[in-house]
Structures are given as structure tokens and as C-alpha cells.
């Protein structure tokens, strides 16, 4: 199916949208998150509620910061997302905020929670978008405007166009065709942003509409994190001429980051029974469910990650050989080497524990080296000292939920001290229990090249 003609006037001459293109990684993420969510509904519903609330807060902060509605720096935004916008959460985050800022963030958060509640009430697995939903989103998001005009209720938007809105919705294939959710989200961002059926609030509504379409497909609200904002702006700017590929990629990146955050947070939010009967019930449930099909499936992530590890080892060996030829000047003062620790090696698995834990903490998730740990390393010895490039594979979350991540870390050593420690991969590589070996290897190769290039550039500049 090709709905390119329906898109005319939006994407221009390059407009053929391949609605039948497979989703790839986002499909695996959606399947895995749906399974984990179902498991948590049985075992830890409070933990799932906490994760969904955090995702809603992250979305609220993203939109508010993108539109400069509040004055919050990066560190405070992270703490508010973790602790909440209420008085207790603000105290825990060390936030000194104006009441109107709190109300803006709370209103935006409640939009996502309202969408989640609406999806829970839907009978269709993937309910279609309809104009009434988008108009209600517009009404709720327009409430923010009263903070720019005192306490007066916001005036009705004169620029609303039902015809333009319907044109955008009509371009999406009808229920039953199930196009890739990240493509639908990219289309909504572009279509609403370009035709502007809601006037000046069209971009805000676009973020919410894209989030709804993603959550309807068992994915996450569209949160564009700080490190992805330039790519998002560029993708929006070129979509009219170049198509939706770049915007679709930004959406997929947001889903990978949110999935990693959600799974990691679940591991830190256990259900807390408040009496002896509750404790015994939890213990009983734990042992009854320990052999469940889903828990057995979690191990598939480790199997796929192990295959990716050995594939990575071969890639690292090739890079090491190239480096040996590049830096050896015959003096004997410069050398490159590579070594590794296979999955769960009894001695080597914790050799770089501190470097991994410290690096991953800055990425916003917990590295679980107990359930899975493997690494590849390149060492570079020169008269300036030793530098190391570490590729770490590790389980995600204190309670393993079937996700293994990989990061590339650079650091220098001198006199037993580690310095210039940094994660050089732009985002973590990840494997979940719904992935295939072939798909994971293909994604890994695409991830490794720019990550390794960044690591070697950091090393070169420091020599």
C-alpha cells in the first residue's frame, strides 16, 4: 500500500510514504514492553504505575523546556522526573520553583496520564486517531496559555481548521493495515507541524498526538531528550523535501531510550507489602511464577547478547590490527592490544566494574553485572600513558527484565589513577528478549562504527 498521493501538499515531490515498511526494532520493543507490562500488572502494579508516572513527567519536562515554559536546568529536570512535581518530590529534588511552573508541568503530565487512561478503556488493540481526540488534546493543552495571560481563561484559537486536520488523519492507513508506529508518529509530527490545523499550538498538539499513537502501539510517549533535540529540529526541517526517514529515526531513538529507562526503573521500584500476610503472598507468587514462560523468555536476551558479544570480539580484533599498523613507529614505545571477558567469566567479569557503573549511571539506568556481564577492550600505550576503550555488555535493572545493553567507554590511566572517563557512544545499544540474532548484529554494526570513531577521536586529541 502506498498513501503518497494523500500526502501531496505536505511532503512535496518526494512524497511516497512506504506505509508497509517493517517497523524493525520498535516492533521488538513494543512486544517486549507489552509482555513486561502484563507481568507487572500481575506482580508489581505499583511499580508499573510509578514507571508510567515518570514517563509522563519526562514528557511534561521535555515539552515545557522545548517551549521555554519553565526555567529548569538539566540536573533539576532529571531529579524532578525521578521524584515528582508535588511538594515532597520538589523537596527531594531540591527544586525552588514558582507555583505557576509547577502547575504547567502538572498539567502537561496529566495530559499523558489521561491518554493512558483512555487507552486502557479502549476495546481496539490499536485504536484509530479521530478528530475528536485531537480536538480534546488541543483543548487541554490550550489551558497552558492562561499562564501567559494572568488568570484569564484562554481565548478560543481562531486558526483551527477541521479540513486540514482531516487531511492529516486521512493519510494514515485505516485500522487493519498497522503501519510502523514510529512512521505514524513521524507523520503526525510533520503533518500537524506543517499544515498547522491548531494554529500556534500545532507543534504542542503534534507531540501529544504522536505520543498517543506510540502508546497505542505498546510504546512510549515521545520524549526528545536534550542530546537529540538538534537532530529532531533538523529532521522536522527537512521532512518536506527529504521525506520522513530522519524524523522516523529520531522517534525510534526516543523509544529505545524510554524502553531502557522504563525497564531499569521497574527494577528499582519493587512492590512493598505492608504486613506479614502480604510478604508471604509475595514469596508464594515469586516461587510459583519463577518458571513462567515469560521469565524463561527473558533468557533469550542473554542468548542474543552472547552472539552479539562474539561478533563484537571479531570486530574489535580487526580494529586492533588496524591500530597496531597505524601507531607502531618502530620505537617500541607505542602499542595497541585487545582482550576480552566472555559472558559471566568468573574472574574477569568485574574487572571494569567501577568504570561501567559510573558511566552507565550518567545514561539514566542501572547496569546489572550480576545477571549478565561481558566486555571487549582495546588498550593504547604511548609515552603519554595508557588509554582504554571498553565495550561493556550488561543486564539492565536491578531486577532482570530481559534487556541487555551495551556502551562504549573511554578513559585514561596514569599511575593507577583513572581520568578523562566518559561514555562515547551516543546512546546505549540494547537487546531485548524479542530480538533476533541477525537483527541485533545488524543494529550493532551500525551502532559500533560512530561510537568507535568518537572514542578514537577523543584519544587522538589527547595525544
Protein backbone atom coordinates (compact mmCIF):
# COMPACT_ATOMS: atom_id res chain seq x y z
CA UNK A 1 0.00 0.00 0.00
CA UNK A 2 1.26 3.47 -0.81
CA UNK A 3 -0.50 6.56 0.51
CA UNK A 4 1.90 9.03 -1.04
CA UNK A 5 -0.85 10.75 -3.00
CA UNK A 6 -2.75 11.51 0.20
CA UNK A 7 0.34 13.30 1.39
CA UNK A 8 0.59 15.70 -1.54
CA UNK A 9 0.94 19.25 -0.38
CA UNK A 10 2.77 18.11 2.73
CA UNK A 11 5.86 16.26 1.62
CA UNK A 12 6.26 17.60 -1.90
CA UNK A 13 7.55 15.65 -4.91
CA UNK A 14 9.45 13.07 -2.82
CA UNK A 15 6.25 12.19 -1.04
CA UNK A 16 5.77 8.43 -1.47
CA UNK A 17 5.39 7.14 2.07
CA UNK A 18 6.12 3.44 2.39
CA UNK A 19 3.42 2.63 4.93
CA UNK A 20 4.15 -1.08 4.51
CA UNK A 21 7.80 -0.72 5.54
CA UNK A 22 8.51 -3.00 8.53
CA UNK A 23 8.96 -1.48 11.96
CA UNK A 24 12.10 -3.41 12.89
CA UNK A 25 13.46 -2.58 16.32
CA UNK A 26 10.39 -0.68 17.53
CA UNK A 27 8.25 -3.76 16.90
CA UNK A 28 10.52 -5.85 19.13
CA UNK A 29 10.49 -3.13 21.79
CA UNK A 30 6.68 -2.96 21.69
CA UNK A 31 6.31 -6.73 22.03
CA UNK A 32 8.80 -6.88 24.88
CA UNK A 33 7.27 -3.92 26.74
CA UNK A 34 3.76 -5.37 26.37
CA UNK A 35 4.97 -8.63 27.92
CA UNK A 36 6.82 -6.87 30.74
CA UNK A 37 3.80 -4.64 31.36
CA UNK A 38 1.47 -7.65 31.60
CA UNK A 39 3.87 -9.32 34.03
CA UNK A 40 3.99 -6.20 36.18
CA UNK A 41 0.21 -5.90 36.23
CA UNK A 42 0.23 -9.27 38.00
CA UNK A 43 3.36 -8.97 40.12
CA UNK A 44 4.03 -5.28 40.71
CA UNK A 45 1.23 -2.94 39.60
CA UNK A 46 2.51 -0.15 41.86
CA UNK A 47 5.88 -0.34 40.16
CA UNK A 48 4.27 -0.10 36.73
CA UNK A 49 2.20 2.89 37.84
CA UNK A 50 5.39 4.57 39.07
CA UNK A 51 7.11 3.96 35.74
CA UNK A 52 4.20 5.36 33.75
CA UNK A 53 4.06 8.40 36.03
CA UNK A 54 7.77 9.01 35.49
CA UNK A 55 7.40 8.73 31.72
CA UNK A 56 4.57 11.28 31.91
CA UNK A 57 6.77 13.64 33.95
CA UNK A 58 9.64 13.28 31.47
CA UNK A 59 7.29 14.16 28.62
CA UNK A 60 5.99 17.17 30.51
CA UNK A 61 9.51 18.44 31.18
CA UNK A 62 10.50 17.86 27.56
CA UNK A 63 7.61 19.90 26.17
CA UNK A 64 7.93 22.64 28.80
CA UNK A 65 11.67 23.04 28.21
CA UNK A 66 11.34 22.89 24.42
CA UNK A 67 8.81 25.75 24.54
CA UNK A 68 10.68 27.58 27.34
CA UNK A 69 7.60 27.46 29.55
CA UNK A 70 9.65 26.86 32.72
CA UNK A 71 13.19 27.62 33.85
CA UNK A 72 14.69 24.25 34.85
CA UNK A 73 18.26 23.10 34.22
CA UNK A 74 19.22 19.59 33.14
CA UNK A 75 20.13 18.28 36.59
CA UNK A 76 16.95 19.58 38.19
CA UNK A 77 14.85 18.17 35.34
CA UNK A 78 16.32 14.72 35.96
CA UNK A 79 15.58 14.93 39.69
CA UNK A 80 12.03 16.20 39.13
CA UNK A 81 11.36 13.37 36.69
CA UNK A 82 12.53 10.88 39.29
CA UNK A 83 10.83 12.39 42.34
CA UNK A 84 7.69 14.14 41.11
CA UNK A 85 6.19 17.60 40.89
CA UNK A 86 4.34 17.61 44.23
CA UNK A 87 5.79 19.27 47.34
CA UNK A 88 7.55 16.12 48.53
CA UNK A 89 9.03 15.50 45.09
CA UNK A 90 10.23 19.09 44.76
CA UNK A 91 11.82 18.93 48.19
CA UNK A 92 13.61 15.69 47.30
CA UNK A 93 14.79 17.26 44.03
CA UNK A 94 15.93 20.45 45.75
CA UNK A 95 13.65 22.50 43.49
CA UNK A 96 12.76 26.11 44.27
CA UNK A 97 10.00 26.73 41.75
CA UNK A 98 7.22 29.22 41.24
CA UNK A 99 3.72 27.81 41.68
CA UNK A 100 2.82 28.60 38.08
CA UNK A 101 5.77 26.49 36.90
CA UNK A 102 4.53 23.57 38.99
CA UNK A 103 1.05 23.96 37.51
CA UNK A 104 2.38 23.98 33.94
CA UNK A 105 4.36 20.78 34.49
CA UNK A 106 1.46 19.11 36.29
CA UNK A 107 -0.97 19.98 33.51
CA UNK A 108 1.34 18.55 30.84
CA UNK A 109 1.91 15.41 32.90
CA UNK A 110 -1.82 14.92 33.30
CA UNK A 111 -2.30 15.01 29.52
CA UNK A 112 -0.18 11.85 29.15
CA UNK A 113 -1.86 10.16 32.10
CA UNK A 114 -5.26 10.99 30.56
CA UNK A 115 -4.16 9.41 27.28
CA UNK A 116 -3.01 6.28 29.12
CA UNK A 117 -6.37 6.03 30.91
CA UNK A 118 -8.16 6.48 27.60
CA UNK A 119 -6.14 3.67 26.03
CA UNK A 120 -6.92 1.38 28.96
CA UNK A 121 -10.62 1.91 28.24
CA UNK A 122 -10.31 1.25 24.50
CA UNK A 123 -11.62 -2.04 23.15
CA UNK A 124 -9.48 -1.93 19.99
CA UNK A 125 -5.89 -3.12 20.29
CA UNK A 126 -4.69 -0.12 18.26
CA UNK A 127 -7.49 2.44 18.23
CA UNK A 128 -7.51 4.82 15.26
CA UNK A 129 -6.93 8.52 15.59
CA UNK A 130 -10.03 10.63 15.26
CA UNK A 131 -10.56 14.41 15.06
CA UNK A 132 -12.46 14.49 18.35
CA UNK A 133 -9.45 13.12 20.24
CA UNK A 134 -7.08 15.67 18.74
CA UNK A 135 -9.51 18.49 19.41
CA UNK A 136 -9.76 17.40 23.05
CA UNK A 137 -5.96 17.30 23.26
CA UNK A 138 -5.90 20.83 21.87
CA UNK A 139 -8.41 21.99 24.47
CA UNK A 140 -6.39 20.51 27.34
CA UNK A 141 -3.07 21.84 26.06
CA UNK A 142 -4.56 25.28 25.46
CA UNK A 143 -5.05 25.57 29.23
CA UNK A 144 -1.34 26.39 29.46
CA UNK A 145 -1.99 29.70 27.74
CA UNK A 146 -3.63 31.16 30.83
CA UNK A 147 -0.19 31.27 32.45
CA UNK A 148 0.80 33.78 29.77
CA UNK A 149 -2.30 35.92 30.27
CA UNK A 150 -2.78 36.08 34.01
CA UNK A 151 -5.69 34.06 35.36
CA UNK A 152 -7.95 34.76 32.40
CA UNK A 153 -9.22 31.64 30.62
CA UNK A 154 -7.53 31.16 27.25
CA UNK A 155 -9.37 32.52 24.28
CA UNK A 156 -10.54 30.16 21.57
CA UNK A 157 -7.98 29.60 18.82
CA UNK A 158 -9.08 31.33 15.63
CA UNK A 159 -6.75 29.33 13.40
CA UNK A 160 -8.39 25.90 13.80
CA UNK A 161 -9.00 24.09 10.51
CA UNK A 162 -11.06 20.90 10.56
CA UNK A 163 -10.28 20.38 6.86
CA UNK A 164 -6.52 20.40 7.40
CA UNK A 165 -6.83 18.09 10.40
CA UNK A 166 -8.88 15.60 8.40
CA UNK A 167 -6.32 15.69 5.58
CA UNK A 168 -3.60 14.63 8.00
CA UNK A 169 -5.68 11.82 9.51
CA UNK A 170 -6.84 10.55 6.10
CA UNK A 171 -3.24 9.99 5.01
CA UNK A 172 -2.79 7.29 7.68
CA UNK A 173 -3.82 3.78 6.55
CA UNK A 174 -7.08 2.58 8.15
CA UNK A 175 -7.21 0.04 11.01
CA UNK A 176 -6.05 -3.40 10.00
CA UNK A 177 -3.03 -2.28 7.99
CA UNK A 178 -0.96 -1.45 11.10
CA UNK A 179 1.85 0.69 9.67
CA UNK A 180 5.05 1.04 11.70
CA UNK A 181 4.15 3.10 14.80
CA UNK A 182 7.28 5.24 14.57
CA UNK A 183 6.31 6.14 10.98
CA UNK A 184 2.80 7.16 12.03
CA UNK A 185 4.29 9.30 14.81
CA UNK A 186 6.72 10.91 12.37
CA UNK A 187 3.83 11.64 10.00
CA UNK A 188 1.79 13.30 12.75
CA UNK A 189 4.73 15.45 13.80
CA UNK A 190 5.29 16.56 10.23
CA UNK A 191 1.67 16.90 9.15
CA UNK A 192 0.45 18.81 12.21
CA UNK A 193 3.59 20.91 12.26
CA UNK A 194 3.33 21.85 8.59
CA UNK A 195 -0.40 22.32 7.99
CA UNK A 196 -0.91 23.77 11.49
CA UNK A 197 -4.62 22.97 11.92
CA UNK A 198 -4.41 24.19 15.53
CA UNK A 199 -2.61 27.43 14.78
CA UNK A 200 0.25 28.32 17.10
CA UNK A 201 -0.40 25.27 19.29
CA UNK A 202 0.00 22.77 16.46
CA UNK A 203 3.51 21.69 17.49
CA UNK A 204 2.38 21.04 21.05
CA UNK A 205 -0.61 19.02 19.87
CA UNK A 206 1.69 17.14 17.47
CA UNK A 207 3.89 15.97 20.35
CA UNK A 208 0.83 14.73 22.23
CA UNK A 209 -0.78 13.10 19.18
CA UNK A 210 2.47 11.31 18.28
CA UNK A 211 2.74 10.11 21.87
CA UNK A 212 -0.81 8.76 21.77
CA UNK A 213 -0.15 6.83 18.56
CA UNK A 214 3.02 5.33 20.04
CA UNK A 215 1.38 4.37 23.34
CA UNK A 216 -1.50 2.80 21.42
CA UNK A 217 1.12 0.51 19.85
CA UNK A 218 2.56 -0.51 23.29
CA UNK A 219 5.37 2.03 23.05
CA UNK A 220 6.17 5.20 24.99
CA UNK A 221 5.35 8.91 24.97
CA UNK A 222 7.55 10.81 22.54
CA UNK A 223 10.24 12.42 24.68
CA UNK A 224 13.01 14.18 22.77
CA UNK A 225 15.91 14.27 25.18
CA UNK A 226 18.39 17.11 25.20
CA UNK A 227 21.05 15.24 23.23
CA UNK A 228 18.53 14.52 20.44
CA UNK A 229 16.95 17.97 20.10
CA UNK A 230 19.18 19.20 17.27
CA UNK A 231 18.54 16.01 15.31
CA UNK A 232 14.80 16.42 15.92
CA UNK A 233 14.78 20.04 14.72
CA UNK A 234 16.82 19.15 11.63
CA UNK A 235 14.55 16.18 10.82
CA UNK A 236 11.44 18.35 11.09
CA UNK A 237 13.02 20.98 8.86
CA UNK A 238 13.94 18.59 6.02
CA UNK A 239 10.85 16.34 6.11
CA UNK A 240 9.00 18.37 3.46
CA UNK A 241 11.79 17.89 0.91
CA UNK A 242 13.53 14.70 2.02
CA UNK A 243 10.72 12.60 3.49
CA UNK A 244 10.18 11.13 6.94
CA UNK A 245 13.25 8.86 7.30
CA UNK A 246 15.21 11.19 9.58
CA UNK A 247 12.17 12.04 11.70
CA UNK A 248 11.27 8.37 11.96
CA UNK A 249 14.79 7.65 13.20
CA UNK A 250 14.50 10.31 15.92
CA UNK A 251 11.23 8.74 17.06
CA UNK A 252 12.86 5.28 17.15
CA UNK A 253 15.75 6.67 19.20
CA UNK A 254 13.30 8.12 21.72
CA UNK A 255 11.64 4.71 22.07
CA UNK A 256 14.95 2.94 22.68
CA UNK A 257 15.86 5.43 25.40
CA UNK A 258 12.46 5.24 27.07
CA UNK A 259 12.43 1.44 26.97
CA UNK A 260 15.81 1.31 28.68
CA UNK A 261 14.65 3.84 31.28
CA UNK A 262 11.36 2.01 31.89
CA UNK A 263 12.92 -1.42 32.36
CA UNK A 264 15.65 -0.03 34.60
CA UNK A 265 13.15 1.89 36.74
CA UNK A 266 10.99 -1.21 37.18
CA UNK A 267 13.97 -2.93 38.74
CA UNK A 268 14.22 -0.16 41.34
CA UNK A 269 10.52 0.05 42.25
CA UNK A 270 9.58 -3.19 43.98
CA UNK A 271 6.15 -3.78 45.42
CA UNK A 272 6.25 -3.27 49.20
CA UNK A 273 3.79 -5.49 51.16
CA UNK A 274 2.91 -3.85 54.45
CA UNK A 275 2.19 -6.89 56.64
CA UNK A 276 3.33 -10.50 57.21
CA UNK A 277 0.49 -11.95 55.14
CA UNK A 278 1.50 -9.72 52.26
CA UNK A 279 5.14 -10.78 52.49
CA UNK A 280 4.20 -14.48 52.47
CA UNK A 281 1.90 -13.87 49.50
CA UNK A 282 4.70 -12.17 47.56
CA UNK A 283 7.09 -15.05 48.35
CA UNK A 284 4.47 -17.55 47.20
CA UNK A 285 3.87 -15.66 43.95
CA UNK A 286 7.61 -15.41 43.35
CA UNK A 287 8.20 -19.14 43.59
CA UNK A 288 5.06 -20.08 41.68
CA UNK A 289 5.91 -17.78 38.81
CA UNK A 290 9.66 -18.33 38.71
CA UNK A 291 9.33 -20.90 35.92
CA UNK A 292 6.82 -18.95 33.86
CA UNK A 293 7.09 -18.80 30.10
CA UNK A 294 7.86 -15.09 30.13
CA UNK A 295 10.69 -15.45 32.63
CA UNK A 296 12.15 -18.22 30.53
CA UNK A 297 11.91 -15.92 27.54
CA UNK A 298 13.95 -13.28 29.38
CA UNK A 299 16.95 -15.57 28.96
CA UNK A 300 16.63 -15.17 25.19
CA UNK A 301 18.06 -11.66 25.55
CA UNK A 302 21.21 -13.15 27.08
CA UNK A 303 21.49 -15.68 24.27
CA UNK A 304 21.22 -12.98 21.62
CA UNK A 305 23.59 -10.69 23.54
CA UNK A 306 26.14 -13.52 23.76
CA UNK A 307 26.06 -13.91 19.97
CA UNK A 308 26.48 -10.16 19.57
CA UNK A 309 29.41 -10.24 22.03
CA UNK A 310 31.33 -12.80 19.95
CA UNK A 311 30.51 -10.84 16.80
CA UNK A 312 31.84 -7.72 18.55
CA UNK A 313 35.03 -9.53 19.56
CA UNK A 314 35.81 -10.20 15.91
CA UNK A 315 35.11 -6.56 15.01
CA UNK A 316 37.33 -5.33 17.85
CA UNK A 317 40.16 -7.64 16.74
CA UNK A 318 40.04 -6.10 13.28
CA UNK A 319 40.14 -2.57 14.70
CA UNK A 320 43.08 -3.53 16.94
CA UNK A 321 45.03 -4.85 13.95
CA UNK A 322 44.46 -1.59 12.08
CA UNK A 323 45.59 0.44 15.11
CA UNK A 324 48.77 -1.60 15.52
CA UNK A 325 49.74 -0.72 11.97
CA UNK A 326 48.74 2.93 12.43
CA UNK A 327 50.64 3.79 15.64
CA UNK A 328 53.70 1.50 15.57
CA UNK A 329 56.66 3.72 14.63
CA UNK A 330 59.30 1.10 15.35
CA UNK A 331 60.38 2.71 18.63
CA UNK A 332 58.65 0.14 20.81
CA UNK A 333 57.01 2.96 22.79
CA UNK A 334 53.61 2.68 21.16
CA UNK A 335 51.41 -0.39 21.07
CA UNK A 336 47.79 -1.43 20.80
CA UNK A 337 46.26 -4.57 22.24
CA UNK A 338 42.84 -6.15 22.71
CA UNK A 339 41.43 -8.50 25.32
CA UNK A 340 38.01 -9.59 26.49
CA UNK A 341 35.86 -11.27 29.11
CA UNK A 342 33.24 -13.68 27.74
CA UNK A 343 29.78 -13.64 29.32
CA UNK A 344 29.93 -14.25 33.07
CA UNK A 345 33.62 -15.15 33.26
CA UNK A 346 34.23 -15.99 36.95
CA UNK A 347 37.31 -13.75 37.29
CA UNK A 348 37.24 -11.08 34.60
CA UNK A 349 33.55 -10.12 34.71
CA UNK A 350 34.12 -7.42 37.35
CA UNK A 351 37.49 -6.09 36.18
CA UNK A 352 35.99 -2.80 34.99
CA UNK A 353 33.02 -2.63 37.33
CA UNK A 354 33.59 0.94 38.53
CA UNK A 355 34.09 2.34 35.03
CA UNK A 356 30.87 0.66 33.85
CA UNK A 357 28.71 1.55 36.85
CA UNK A 358 29.84 5.19 36.87
CA UNK A 359 29.43 5.57 33.12
CA UNK A 360 26.01 3.96 32.89
CA UNK A 361 24.65 5.94 35.83
CA UNK A 362 25.04 9.07 33.69
CA UNK A 363 22.95 7.37 31.00
CA UNK A 364 20.00 7.14 33.39
CA UNK A 365 19.76 3.40 34.02
CA UNK A 366 21.21 0.69 36.29
CA UNK A 367 23.89 -1.71 34.99
CA UNK A 368 23.23 -5.16 36.44
CA UNK A 369 26.55 -7.03 36.24
CA UNK A 370 25.19 -9.84 38.36
CA UNK A 371 22.80 -11.25 35.75
CA UNK A 372 24.97 -10.61 32.69
CA UNK A 373 28.46 -9.20 32.22
CA UNK A 374 30.85 -9.34 29.27
CA UNK A 375 33.32 -6.91 27.75
CA UNK A 376 35.79 -6.24 24.95
CA UNK A 377 38.66 -3.82 25.39
CA UNK A 378 41.22 -2.03 23.25
CA UNK A 379 44.30 -0.69 25.05
CA UNK A 380 46.59 2.00 23.64
CA UNK A 381 50.02 2.50 25.25
CA UNK A 382 52.06 5.59 24.32
CA UNK A 383 54.65 7.75 26.12
CA UNK A 384 51.68 9.79 27.41
CA UNK A 385 50.28 6.79 29.28
CA UNK A 386 47.61 4.19 28.70
CA UNK A 387 44.18 4.79 27.22
CA UNK A 388 41.44 2.18 27.09
CA UNK A 389 38.28 1.82 25.03
CA UNK A 390 35.87 -0.51 26.81
CA UNK A 391 32.82 -2.12 25.24
CA UNK A 392 30.63 -3.35 28.09
CA UNK A 393 27.58 -5.60 27.78
CA UNK A 394 25.40 -5.82 30.90
CA UNK A 395 21.87 -6.58 32.04
CA UNK A 396 19.55 -3.63 32.68
CA UNK A 397 17.80 -3.01 36.00
CA UNK A 398 18.33 -4.44 39.46
CA UNK A 399 15.59 -6.97 38.68
CA UNK A 400 16.36 -8.52 35.29
CA UNK A 401 13.51 -7.99 32.80
CA UNK A 402 15.02 -9.41 29.63
CA UNK A 403 17.09 -6.46 28.39
CA UNK A 404 20.87 -6.33 27.86
CA UNK A 405 22.61 -3.05 26.99
CA UNK A 406 25.99 -2.12 25.63
CA UNK A 407 28.01 1.08 25.98
CA UNK A 408 31.41 2.22 24.73
CA UNK A 409 33.52 3.92 27.39
CA UNK A 410 36.84 5.77 27.04
CA UNK A 411 39.25 6.55 29.85
CA UNK A 412 42.95 7.16 30.50
CA UNK A 413 45.22 5.71 33.16
CA UNK A 414 48.32 7.14 34.78
CA UNK A 415 49.94 5.95 38.00
CA UNK A 416 46.96 3.79 38.89
CA UNK A 417 44.55 6.72 38.54
CA UNK A 418 41.68 6.77 36.05
CA UNK A 419 40.81 10.11 34.45
CA UNK A 420 39.08 11.56 31.38
CA UNK A 421 36.39 8.90 31.90
CA UNK A 422 33.44 9.30 29.51
CA UNK A 423 30.78 7.34 27.68
CA UNK A 424 31.48 7.95 23.99
CA UNK A 425 28.55 6.03 22.48
CA UNK A 426 25.74 8.46 21.70
CA UNK A 427 23.16 6.10 23.18
CA UNK A 428 23.28 2.59 24.67
CA UNK A 429 22.99 -0.36 22.33
CA UNK A 430 20.28 -2.73 23.53
CA UNK A 431 18.98 -6.24 23.01
CA UNK A 432 15.67 -7.49 24.38
CA UNK A 433 14.14 -10.95 24.58
CA UNK A 434 12.08 -10.37 21.43
CA UNK A 435 15.13 -9.64 19.26
CA UNK A 436 16.67 -11.93 16.66
CA UNK A 437 20.41 -12.54 16.36
CA UNK A 438 20.52 -11.28 12.77
CA UNK A 439 18.65 -8.08 13.59
CA UNK A 440 20.74 -7.41 16.70
CA UNK A 441 24.03 -7.91 14.82
CA UNK A 442 22.91 -5.56 12.07
CA UNK A 443 21.97 -2.85 14.58
CA UNK A 444 25.19 -3.40 16.50
CA UNK A 445 27.36 -2.82 13.42
CA UNK A 446 25.50 0.44 12.71
CA UNK A 447 25.94 1.47 16.36
CA UNK A 448 29.61 0.49 16.76
CA UNK A 449 31.12 2.44 13.88
CA UNK A 450 30.22 6.00 15.01
CA UNK A 451 30.83 5.06 18.64
CA UNK A 452 34.33 3.74 17.94
CA UNK A 453 35.07 6.71 15.71
CA UNK A 454 34.16 9.04 18.58
CA UNK A 455 36.36 7.08 21.01
CA UNK A 456 39.41 7.19 18.74
CA UNK A 457 38.90 10.89 18.09
CA UNK A 458 38.88 11.57 21.85
CA UNK A 459 42.10 9.56 22.19
CA UNK A 460 43.79 11.28 19.23
CA UNK A 461 43.03 14.78 20.54
CA UNK A 462 44.59 13.91 23.89
CA UNK A 463 47.88 12.63 22.47
